Amino acid sequence: MTIDIDATHSFTNGDLTLHYASVGPASAPSHSWWDFALHLAPKGYQCFLLDDGKSDRAGGRYTRTDYTSDVTFGKKCVLVGHSLGVVMAYGASAARPELVAGMLLEDPPMYMTFARLTSSPYQALFAKVREDCKASKSANLPVAHVQQLMAADPIAPGVPVTMSESLTEAGLVSLAQGLLSVDPAVYDAVLSSDGATTDGDDKPSCAVGGVLLRAQKELGAFREEDVERFRKTAPNVEVVEVKGAGHMIHPFRASRGAVVETLGKVFRAAFRV
């Protein structure tokens, strides 16, 4: 089978032009994720990876509602997201459940109110990432240099394990590329009291099934006390803790196999294959 990778696609959402990559045969069921697309394409799935860093800047419009409105699809699919990507996947699934066959959600900040953020070590981490993003862009640093700098950062706040010790090489490269391509204003919204993190418990109900992977309880954004709240609005999603993993589960070397296995489980349930 020939696997085509084409990153030239785009669509519009209001006044914004958003870019995405397509991987796999065009006649297959659709799917949305990033580097794991190459695992799925040989199995006959068509994969769409939203936003390659070339999309228009939103001018500060980075709320949960704005993110969800960016998800556009026209046929039955599985949606996969990490962190704020879960906000998009969950919101789109709740709005159009007839078009979503399943979800794989990774350690989302589903209930990260501003008060909760300010009392956690993630506030300082996000502030540092924002400044690193601005500095890297200003200095026009190459990806390899940013990757080297990030390699020494801890995998989670207060954890004496570095990125290079725990993440795959591809994961580090992806993080460096992301830091150079993201709009720093995304972090302004996260760190603001009226930004993207303030809707707390206000979640729409979603009947779509799937799996939510959460980091080890002291290392992630999705906490132990969030599980029951989540089950009330998403009763068909299984919540699974990945032991030893931090917030970034998919590039974590020790959990890579578990993510691939779970992805296969979601697809088998979604498409009965």
C-alpha atoms as a PDB file:
ATOM      1  CA  MET A   1       0.000   0.000   0.000  1.00  0.00           C
ATOM      2  CA  THR A   2       1.252   3.497  -0.804  1.00  0.00           C
ATOM      3  CA  ILE A   3       0.956   5.926   2.100  1.00  0.00           C
ATOM      4  CA  ASP A   4       0.543   9.551   1.050  1.00  0.00           C
ATOM      5  CA  ILE A   5       1.504  12.391   3.383  1.00  0.00           C
ATOM      6  CA  ASP A   6       0.122  15.750   2.260  1.00  0.00           C
ATOM      7  CA  ALA A   7       0.374  18.806   4.527  1.00  0.00           C
ATOM      8  CA  THR A   8      -1.076  21.333   2.074  1.00  0.00           C
ATOM      9  CA  HIS A   9      -4.763  21.084   3.020  1.00  0.00           C
ATOM     10  CA  SER A  10      -6.610  23.990   4.609  1.00  0.00           C
ATOM     11  CA  PHE A  11     -10.106  25.128   5.504  1.00  0.00           C
ATOM     12  CA  THR A  12     -11.627  28.292   6.929  1.00  0.00           C
ATOM     13  CA  ASN A  13     -13.355  28.939  10.229  1.00  0.00           C
ATOM     14  CA  GLY A  14     -14.761  32.449  10.100  1.00  0.00           C
ATOM     15  CA  ASP A  15     -11.869  34.750   9.249  1.00  0.00           C
ATOM     16  CA  LEU A  16      -9.186  32.126  10.038  1.00  0.00           C
ATOM     17  CA  THR A  17      -7.454  29.739   7.651  1.00  0.00           C
ATOM     18  CA  LEU A  18      -6.508  26.497   9.403  1.00  0.00           C
ATOM     19  CA  HIS A  19      -4.055  23.941   8.023  1.00  0.00           C
ATOM     20  CA  TYR A  20      -3.942  20.189   8.477  1.00  0.00           C
ATOM     21  CA  ALA A  21      -2.047  17.154   7.226  1.00  0.00           C
ATOM     22  CA  SER A  22      -3.610  14.051   5.702  1.00  0.00           C
ATOM     23  CA  VAL A  23      -2.026  10.607   5.985  1.00  0.00           C
ATOM     24  CA  GLY A  24      -3.333   7.411   4.391  1.00  0.00           C
ATOM     25  CA  PRO A  25      -5.703   6.191   1.673  1.00  0.00           C
ATOM     26  CA  ALA A  26      -8.536   8.639   0.997  1.00  0.00           C
ATOM     27  CA  SER A  27     -11.231   5.955   0.916  1.00  0.00           C
ATOM     28  CA  ALA A  28     -10.635   4.773   4.479  1.00  0.00           C
ATOM     29  CA  PRO A  29     -12.469   5.871   7.658  1.00  0.00           C
ATOM     30  CA  SER A  30     -11.203   9.201   8.982  1.00  0.00           C
ATOM     31  CA  HIS A  31      -9.193   9.767  12.132  1.00  0.00           C
ATOM     32  CA  SER A  32      -7.513  12.673  13.884  1.00  0.00           C
ATOM     33  CA  TRP A  33      -4.147  12.541  15.716  1.00  0.00           C
ATOM     34  CA  TRP A  34      -0.460  13.302  15.126  1.00  0.00           C
ATOM     35  CA  ASP A  35       2.592  10.975  14.926  1.00  0.00           C
ATOM     36  CA  PHE A  36       0.537   7.841  15.594  1.00  0.00           C
ATOM     37  CA  ALA A  37      -1.068   8.379  12.188  1.00  0.00           C
ATOM     38  CA  LEU A  38       1.815   6.453  10.662  1.00  0.00           C
ATOM     39  CA  HIS A  39       0.818   3.416  12.749  1.00  0.00           C
ATOM     40  CA  LEU A  40      -2.751   3.625  11.471  1.00  0.00           C
ATOM     41  CA  ALA A  41      -2.279   4.458   7.791  1.00  0.00           C
ATOM     42  CA  PRO A  42      -0.872   1.027   6.843  1.00  0.00           C
ATOM     43  CA  LYS A  43      -3.990  -0.540   8.388  1.00  0.00           C
ATOM     44  CA  GLY A  44      -6.176   1.349   5.899  1.00  0.00           C
ATOM     45  CA  TYR A  45      -7.225   4.366   7.948  1.00  0.00           C
ATOM     46  CA  GLN A  46      -7.150   7.921   6.665  1.00  0.00           C
ATOM     47  CA  CYS A  47      -5.750  10.239   9.338  1.00  0.00           C
ATOM     48  CA  PHE A  48      -6.140  13.998   9.661  1.00  0.00           C
ATOM     49  CA  LEU A  49      -3.723  15.949  11.847  1.00  0.00           C
ATOM     50  CA  LEU A  50      -5.185  19.350  12.660  1.00  0.00           C
ATOM     51  CA  ASP A  51      -2.821  22.352  12.594  1.00  0.00           C
ATOM     52  CA  ASP A  52       0.775  22.003  11.462  1.00  0.00           C
ATOM     53  CA  GLY A  53       1.833  25.372  12.893  1.00  0.00           C
ATOM     54  CA  LYS A  54       0.986  27.266   9.705  1.00  0.00           C
ATOM     55  CA  SER A  55      -2.577  28.172  10.647  1.00  0.00           C
ATOM     56  CA  ASP A  56      -3.620  31.789  11.132  1.00  0.00           C
ATOM     57  CA  ARG A  57      -3.191  33.355  14.557  1.00  0.00           C
ATOM     58  CA  ALA A  58      -6.499  33.900  16.311  1.00  0.00           C
ATOM     59  CA  GLY A  59      -5.715  37.280  17.839  1.00  0.00           C
ATOM     60  CA  GLY A  60      -6.248  36.209  21.418  1.00  0.00           C
ATOM     61  CA  ARG A  61      -9.400  34.176  20.724  1.00  0.00           C
ATOM     62  CA  TYR A  62      -8.231  31.074  22.560  1.00  0.00           C
ATOM     63  CA  THR A  63     -11.187  29.954  24.673  1.00  0.00           C
ATOM     64  CA  ARG A  64     -12.638  26.463  24.906  1.00  0.00           C
ATOM     65  CA  THR A  65     -15.490  27.500  22.598  1.00  0.00           C
ATOM     66  CA  ASP A  66     -13.013  28.814  20.034  1.00  0.00           C
ATOM     67  CA  TYR A  67     -10.998  25.583  20.114  1.00  0.00           C
ATOM     68  CA  THR A  68     -14.066  23.392  19.647  1.00  0.00           C
ATOM     69  CA  SER A  69     -15.272  25.396  16.659  1.00  0.00           C
ATOM     70  CA  ASP A  70     -12.002  24.576  14.833  1.00  0.00           C
ATOM     71  CA  VAL A  71     -12.890  20.865  14.601  1.00  0.00           C
ATOM     72  CA  THR A  72     -14.557  20.243  11.228  1.00  0.00           C
ATOM     73  CA  PHE A  73     -15.413  16.791   9.866  1.00  0.00           C
ATOM     74  CA  GLY A  74     -17.939  15.350   7.461  1.00  0.00           C
ATOM     75  CA  LYS A  75     -17.870  11.589   7.962  1.00  0.00           C
ATOM     76  CA  LYS A  76     -17.742   9.096  10.790  1.00  0.00           C
ATOM     77  CA  CYS A  77     -14.438   9.374  12.640  1.00  0.00           C
ATOM     78  CA  VAL A  78     -12.469   8.741  15.794  1.00  0.00           C
ATOM     79  CA  LEU A  79     -11.215  11.878  17.533  1.00  0.00           C
ATOM     80  CA  VAL A  80      -7.989  11.821  19.531  1.00  0.00           C
ATOM     81  CA  GLY A  81      -6.557  14.668  21.570  1.00  0.00           C
ATOM     82  CA  HIS A  82      -3.991  15.502  24.223  1.00  0.00           C
ATOM     83  CA  SER A  83      -4.375  18.205  26.896  1.00  0.00           C
ATOM     84  CA  LEU A  84      -6.224  21.150  25.307  1.00  0.00           C
ATOM     85  CA  GLY A  85      -6.724  18.904  22.277  1.00  0.00           C
ATOM     86  CA  VAL A  86      -9.142  16.943  24.453  1.00  0.00           C
ATOM     87  CA  VAL A  87     -11.184  20.128  24.863  1.00  0.00           C
ATOM     88  CA  MET A  88     -11.601  20.178  21.083  1.00  0.00           C
ATOM     89  CA  ALA A  89     -12.287  16.454  20.724  1.00  0.00           C
ATOM     90  CA  TYR A  90     -14.743  16.247  23.625  1.00  0.00           C
ATOM     91  CA  GLY A  91     -16.596  19.430  22.644  1.00  0.00           C
ATOM     92  CA  ALA A  92     -16.923  18.323  19.015  1.00  0.00           C
ATOM     93  CA  SER A  93     -18.099  14.846  20.068  1.00  0.00           C
ATOM     94  CA  ALA A  94     -20.749  16.293  22.380  1.00  0.00           C
ATOM     95  CA  ALA A  95     -21.968  18.618  19.621  1.00  0.00           C
ATOM     96  CA  ARG A  96     -21.984  16.039  16.780  1.00  0.00           C
ATOM     97  CA  PRO A  97     -22.180  12.554  18.361  1.00  0.00           C
ATOM     98  CA  GLU A  98     -23.659  11.060  15.183  1.00  0.00           C
ATOM     99  CA  LEU A  99     -20.354  11.718  13.396  1.00  0.00           C
ATOM    100  CA  VAL A 100     -17.982  10.475  16.107  1.00  0.00           C
ATOM    101  CA  ALA A 101     -17.444   6.715  16.437  1.00  0.00           C
ATOM    102  CA  GLY A 102     -15.087   6.961  19.394  1.00  0.00           C
ATOM    103  CA  MET A 103     -12.576   9.054  21.341  1.00  0.00           C
ATOM    104  CA  LEU A 104      -9.091   8.630  22.778  1.00  0.00           C
ATOM    105  CA  LEU A 105      -8.461  11.420  25.288  1.00  0.00           C
ATOM    106  CA  GLU A 106      -5.110  12.037  26.959  1.00  0.00           C
ATOM    107  CA  ASP A 107      -4.723  13.696  30.381  1.00  0.00           C
ATOM    108  CA  PRO A 108      -7.037  16.679  29.830  1.00  0.00           C
ATOM    109  CA  PRO A 109      -7.270  19.777  32.063  1.00  0.00           C
ATOM    110  CA  MET A 110     -11.045  19.208  32.077  1.00  0.00           C
ATOM    111  CA  TYR A 111     -11.673  20.941  35.398  1.00  0.00           C
ATOM    112  CA  MET A 112      -8.719  23.327  35.540  1.00  0.00           C
ATOM    113  CA  THR A 113     -10.323  26.457  36.943  1.00  0.00           C
ATOM    114  CA  PHE A 114      -8.148  29.541  37.357  1.00  0.00           C
ATOM    115  CA  ALA A 115      -8.142  29.077  41.138  1.00  0.00           C
ATOM    116  CA  ARG A 116      -6.996  25.480  40.756  1.00  0.00           C
ATOM    117  CA  LEU A 117      -4.279  26.475  38.297  1.00  0.00           C
ATOM    118  CA  THR A 118      -2.855  29.160  40.588  1.00  0.00           C
ATOM    119  CA  SER A 119      -2.591  26.677  43.445  1.00  0.00           C
ATOM    120  CA  SER A 120      -0.680  24.142  41.330  1.00  0.00           C
ATOM    121  CA  PRO A 121       2.916  24.015  40.045  1.00  0.00           C
ATOM    122  CA  TYR A 122       1.558  24.159  36.481  1.00  0.00           C
ATOM    123  CA  GLN A 123       1.045  27.927  36.672  1.00  0.00           C
ATOM    124  CA  ALA A 124       4.810  28.500  36.929  1.00  0.00           C
ATOM    125  CA  LEU A 125       5.440  25.846  34.266  1.00  0.00           C
ATOM    126  CA  PHE A 126       3.049  27.439  31.750  1.00  0.00           C
ATOM    127  CA  ALA A 127       4.524  30.880  32.453  1.00  0.00           C
ATOM    128  CA  LYS A 128       8.012  29.493  31.753  1.00  0.00           C
ATOM    129  CA  VAL A 129       6.861  27.811  28.541  1.00  0.00           C
ATOM    130  CA  ARG A 130       5.331  31.100  27.371  1.00  0.00           C
ATOM    131  CA  GLU A 131       8.597  32.979  27.951  1.00  0.00           C
ATOM    132  CA  ASP A 132      10.633  30.186  26.340  1.00  0.00           C
ATOM    133  CA  CYS A 133       8.310  30.363  23.332  1.00  0.00           C
ATOM    134  CA  LYS A 134       8.774  34.121  22.961  1.00  0.00           C
ATOM    135  CA  ALA A 135      12.554  33.933  23.457  1.00  0.00           C
ATOM    136  CA  SER A 136      13.013  31.055  20.990  1.00  0.00           C
ATOM    137  CA  LYS A 137      11.014  32.855  18.324  1.00  0.00           C
ATOM    138  CA  SER A 138      12.816  36.157  18.939  1.00  0.00           C
ATOM    139  CA  ALA A 139      16.237  34.490  18.660  1.00  0.00           C
ATOM    140  CA  ASN A 140      15.104  32.472  15.619  1.00  0.00           C
ATOM    141  CA  LEU A 141      16.490  29.312  17.195  1.00  0.00           C
ATOM    142  CA  PRO A 142      16.590  26.124  15.102  1.00  0.00           C
ATOM    143  CA  VAL A 143      14.522  23.128  16.177  1.00  0.00           C
ATOM    144  CA  ALA A 144      17.625  21.127  17.166  1.00  0.00           C
ATOM    145  CA  HIS A 145      18.760  23.864  19.565  1.00  0.00           C
ATOM    146  CA  VAL A 146      15.337  24.149  21.207  1.00  0.00           C
ATOM    147  CA  GLN A 147      15.210  20.372  21.492  1.00  0.00           C
ATOM    148  CA  GLN A 148      18.554  20.379  23.304  1.00  0.00           C
ATOM    149  CA  LEU A 149      17.342  23.032  25.753  1.00  0.00           C
ATOM    150  CA  MET A 150      14.100  21.189  26.477  1.00  0.00           C
ATOM    151  CA  ALA A 151      15.889  17.873  27.020  1.00  0.00           C
ATOM    152  CA  ALA A 152      17.081  19.023  30.458  1.00  0.00           C
ATOM    153  CA  ASP A 153      13.633  20.167  31.638  1.00  0.00           C
ATOM    154  CA  PRO A 154      11.769  17.970  34.165  1.00  0.00           C
ATOM    155  CA  ILE A 155       8.999  15.717  32.851  1.00  0.00           C
ATOM    156  CA  ALA A 156       6.611  17.337  35.379  1.00  0.00           C
ATOM    157  CA  PRO A 157       6.911  20.077  38.015  1.00  0.00           C
ATOM    158  CA  GLY A 158       8.967  18.874  40.964  1.00  0.00           C
ATOM    159  CA  VAL A 159       9.866  15.528  39.395  1.00  0.00           C
ATOM    160  CA  PRO A 160      13.643  14.828  39.176  1.00  0.00           C
ATOM    161  CA  VAL A 161      13.389  13.096  35.795  1.00  0.00           C
ATOM    162  CA  THR A 162      14.278  14.958  32.615  1.00  0.00           C
ATOM    163  CA  MET A 163      12.539  15.029  29.262  1.00  0.00           C
ATOM    164  CA  SER A 164      15.482  13.298  27.589  1.00  0.00           C
ATOM    165  CA  GLU A 165      15.394  10.488  30.148  1.00  0.00           C
ATOM    166  CA  SER A 166      11.711   9.729  29.650  1.00  0.00           C
ATOM    167  CA  LEU A 167      10.512  10.839  26.197  1.00  0.00           C
ATOM    168  CA  THR A 168      11.130   9.349  22.784  1.00  0.00           C
ATOM    169  CA  GLU A 169      13.360  11.206  20.341  1.00  0.00           C
ATOM    170  CA  ALA A 170      10.343  11.891  18.131  1.00  0.00           C
ATOM    171  CA  GLY A 171       8.484  13.241  21.154  1.00  0.00           C
ATOM    172  CA  LEU A 172      11.245  15.729  21.959  1.00  0.00           C
ATOM    173  CA  VAL A 173      11.433  16.889  18.348  1.00  0.00           C
ATOM    174  CA  SER A 174       7.660  17.353  18.286  1.00  0.00           C
ATOM    175  CA  LEU A 175       7.754  19.426  21.482  1.00  0.00           C
ATOM    176  CA  ALA A 176      10.516  21.644  20.092  1.00  0.00           C
ATOM    177  CA  GLN A 177       8.633  22.147  16.844  1.00  0.00           C
ATOM    178  CA  GLY A 178       5.499  22.955  18.797  1.00  0.00           C
ATOM    179  CA  LEU A 179       7.258  25.555  20.932  1.00  0.00           C
ATOM    180  CA  LEU A 180       8.489  27.322  17.798  1.00  0.00           C
ATOM    181  CA  SER A 181       5.140  27.230  16.002  1.00  0.00           C
ATOM    182  CA  VAL A 182       2.616  27.981  18.763  1.00  0.00           C
ATOM    183  CA  ASP A 183       1.226  31.476  19.287  1.00  0.00           C
ATOM    184  CA  PRO A 184       2.437  32.675  22.739  1.00  0.00           C
ATOM    185  CA  ALA A 185      -1.023  34.211  23.214  1.00  0.00           C
ATOM    186  CA  VAL A 186      -2.319  30.665  23.751  1.00  0.00           C
ATOM    187  CA  TYR A 187      -0.574  30.751  27.139  1.00  0.00           C
ATOM    188  CA  ASP A 188      -1.925  34.232  27.867  1.00  0.00           C
ATOM    189  CA  ALA A 189      -5.400  32.703  27.712  1.00  0.00           C
ATOM    190  CA  VAL A 190      -4.441  29.770  29.929  1.00  0.00           C
ATOM    191  CA  LEU A 191      -2.832  32.026  32.553  1.00  0.00           C
ATOM    192  CA  SER A 192      -5.578  34.658  32.524  1.00  0.00           C
ATOM    193  CA  SER A 193      -8.458  34.648  35.004  1.00  0.00           C
ATOM    194  CA  ASP A 194     -10.881  35.096  32.084  1.00  0.00           C
ATOM    195  CA  GLY A 195      -9.106  32.756  29.675  1.00  0.00           C
ATOM    196  CA  ALA A 196      -9.466  29.189  28.437  1.00  0.00           C
ATOM    197  CA  THR A 197      -9.188  27.444  31.797  1.00  0.00           C
ATOM    198  CA  THR A 198     -12.125  28.907  33.703  1.00  0.00           C
ATOM    199  CA  ASP A 199     -15.204  26.827  32.868  1.00  0.00           C
ATOM    200  CA  GLY A 200     -14.627  24.297  35.635  1.00  0.00           C
ATOM    201  CA  ASP A 201     -17.452  21.777  35.994  1.00  0.00           C
ATOM    202  CA  ASP A 202     -19.545  23.160  33.139  1.00  0.00           C
ATOM    203  CA  LYS A 203     -19.270  20.262  30.674  1.00  0.00           C
ATOM    204  CA  PRO A 204     -21.831  19.134  28.097  1.00  0.00           C
ATOM    205  CA  SER A 205     -22.978  15.530  28.262  1.00  0.00           C
ATOM    206  CA  CYS A 206     -21.390  13.222  25.694  1.00  0.00           C
ATOM    207  CA  ALA A 207     -22.694   9.740  24.833  1.00  0.00           C
ATOM    208  CA  VAL A 208     -19.726   8.819  22.600  1.00  0.00           C
ATOM    209  CA  GLY A 209     -17.591   5.950  23.900  1.00  0.00           C
ATOM    210  CA  GLY A 210     -13.844   5.667  24.188  1.00  0.00           C
ATOM    211  CA  VAL A 211     -10.915   5.766  26.601  1.00  0.00           C
ATOM    212  CA  LEU A 212      -9.424   8.571  28.684  1.00  0.00           C
ATOM    213  CA  LEU A 213      -5.773   7.985  29.579  1.00  0.00           C
ATOM    214  CA  ARG A 214      -4.688   9.890  32.664  1.00  0.00           C
ATOM    215  CA  ALA A 215      -1.166  10.374  33.966  1.00  0.00           C
ATOM    216  CA  GLN A 216      -0.042   9.000  37.300  1.00  0.00           C
ATOM    217  CA  LYS A 217      -2.109  11.006  39.767  1.00  0.00           C
ATOM    218  CA  GLU A 218       0.606  13.331  41.075  1.00  0.00           C
ATOM    219  CA  LEU A 219       2.077  13.996  37.613  1.00  0.00           C
ATOM    220  CA  GLY A 220      -0.876  14.966  35.433  1.00  0.00           C
ATOM    221  CA  ALA A 221      -3.613  17.516  34.816  1.00  0.00           C
ATOM    222  CA  PHE A 222      -6.548  15.101  35.218  1.00  0.00           C
ATOM    223  CA  ARG A 223      -6.806  14.374  38.933  1.00  0.00           C
ATOM    224  CA  GLU A 224      -8.256  11.562  41.015  1.00  0.00           C
ATOM    225  CA  GLU A 225     -11.172  13.769  42.105  1.00  0.00           C
ATOM    226  CA  ASP A 226     -12.010  14.485  38.453  1.00  0.00           C
ATOM    227  CA  VAL A 227     -12.890  10.874  37.627  1.00  0.00           C
ATOM    228  CA  GLU A 228     -16.399  10.791  39.101  1.00  0.00           C
ATOM    229  CA  ARG A 229     -17.278  14.229  37.723  1.00  0.00           C
ATOM    230  CA  PHE A 230     -16.203  13.127  34.274  1.00  0.00           C
ATOM    231  CA  ARG A 231     -18.184   9.879  34.426  1.00  0.00           C
ATOM    232  CA  LYS A 232     -21.377  11.847  35.075  1.00  0.00           C
ATOM    233  CA  THR A 233     -21.136  13.573  31.668  1.00  0.00           C
ATOM    234  CA  ALA A 234     -19.270  10.867  29.710  1.00  0.00           C
ATOM    235  CA  PRO A 235     -20.531   7.514  31.070  1.00  0.00           C
ATOM    236  CA  ASN A 236     -19.307   5.524  28.044  1.00  0.00           C
ATOM    237  CA  VAL A 237     -15.655   6.572  28.340  1.00  0.00           C
ATOM    238  CA  GLU A 238     -13.320   4.312  30.317  1.00  0.00           C
ATOM    239  CA  VAL A 239     -10.778   6.136  32.497  1.00  0.00           C
ATOM    240  CA  VAL A 240      -7.357   4.436  32.702  1.00  0.00           C
ATOM    241  CA  GLU A 241      -4.365   5.586  34.768  1.00  0.00           C
ATOM    242  CA  VAL A 242      -0.996   5.054  33.075  1.00  0.00           C
ATOM    243  CA  LYS A 243       1.451   4.289  35.877  1.00  0.00           C
ATOM    244  CA  GLY A 244       4.670   6.285  35.767  1.00  0.00           C
ATOM    245  CA  ALA A 245       3.534   8.586  32.960  1.00  0.00           C
ATOM    246  CA  GLY A 246       3.437  12.361  33.144  1.00  0.00           C
ATOM    247  CA  HIS A 247       1.120  14.749  31.355  1.00  0.00           C
ATOM    248  CA  MET A 248       2.597  13.843  27.946  1.00  0.00           C
ATOM    249  CA  ILE A 249       1.675  10.171  27.829  1.00  0.00           C
ATOM    250  CA  HIS A 250       2.008   9.449  24.113  1.00  0.00           C
ATOM    251  CA  PRO A 251       5.716  10.389  23.746  1.00  0.00           C
ATOM    252  CA  PHE A 252       6.637   8.745  27.068  1.00  0.00           C
ATOM    253  CA  ARG A 253       8.868   5.780  26.200  1.00  0.00           C
ATOM    254  CA  ALA A 254       7.507   3.501  28.902  1.00  0.00           C
ATOM    255  CA  SER A 255       3.872   4.052  27.907  1.00  0.00           C
ATOM    256  CA  ARG A 256       4.216   4.151  24.116  1.00  0.00           C
ATOM    257  CA  GLY A 257       3.116   0.530  23.715  1.00  0.00           C
ATOM    258  CA  ALA A 258       0.109   1.056  25.986  1.00  0.00           C
ATOM    259  CA  VAL A 259      -1.018   4.049  23.912  1.00  0.00           C
ATOM    260  CA  VAL A 260      -0.767   2.090  20.652  1.00  0.00           C
ATOM    261  CA  GLU A 261      -2.682  -0.818  22.242  1.00  0.00           C
ATOM    262  CA  THR A 262      -5.406   1.523  23.540  1.00  0.00           C
ATOM    263  CA  LEU A 263      -5.675   3.241  20.179  1.00  0.00           C
ATOM    264  CA  GLY A 264      -6.295  -0.146  18.570  1.00  0.00           C
ATOM    265  CA  LYS A 265      -8.920  -0.933  21.216  1.00  0.00           C
ATOM    266  CA  VAL A 266     -10.788   2.309  20.503  1.00  0.00           C
ATOM    267  CA  PHE A 267     -10.728   1.693  16.758  1.00  0.00           C
ATOM    268  CA  ARG A 268     -11.925  -1.907  17.076  1.00  0.00           C
ATOM    269  CA  ALA A 269     -14.858  -0.761  19.202  1.00  0.00           C
ATOM    270  CA  ALA A 270     -15.632   2.203  16.959  1.00  0.00           C
ATOM    271  CA  PHE A 271     -15.582   0.402  13.612  1.00  0.00           C
ATOM    272  CA  ARG A 272     -16.247  -3.179  14.793  1.00  0.00           C
ATOM    273  CA  VAL A 273     -12.986  -4.449  13.261  1.00  0.00           C
END
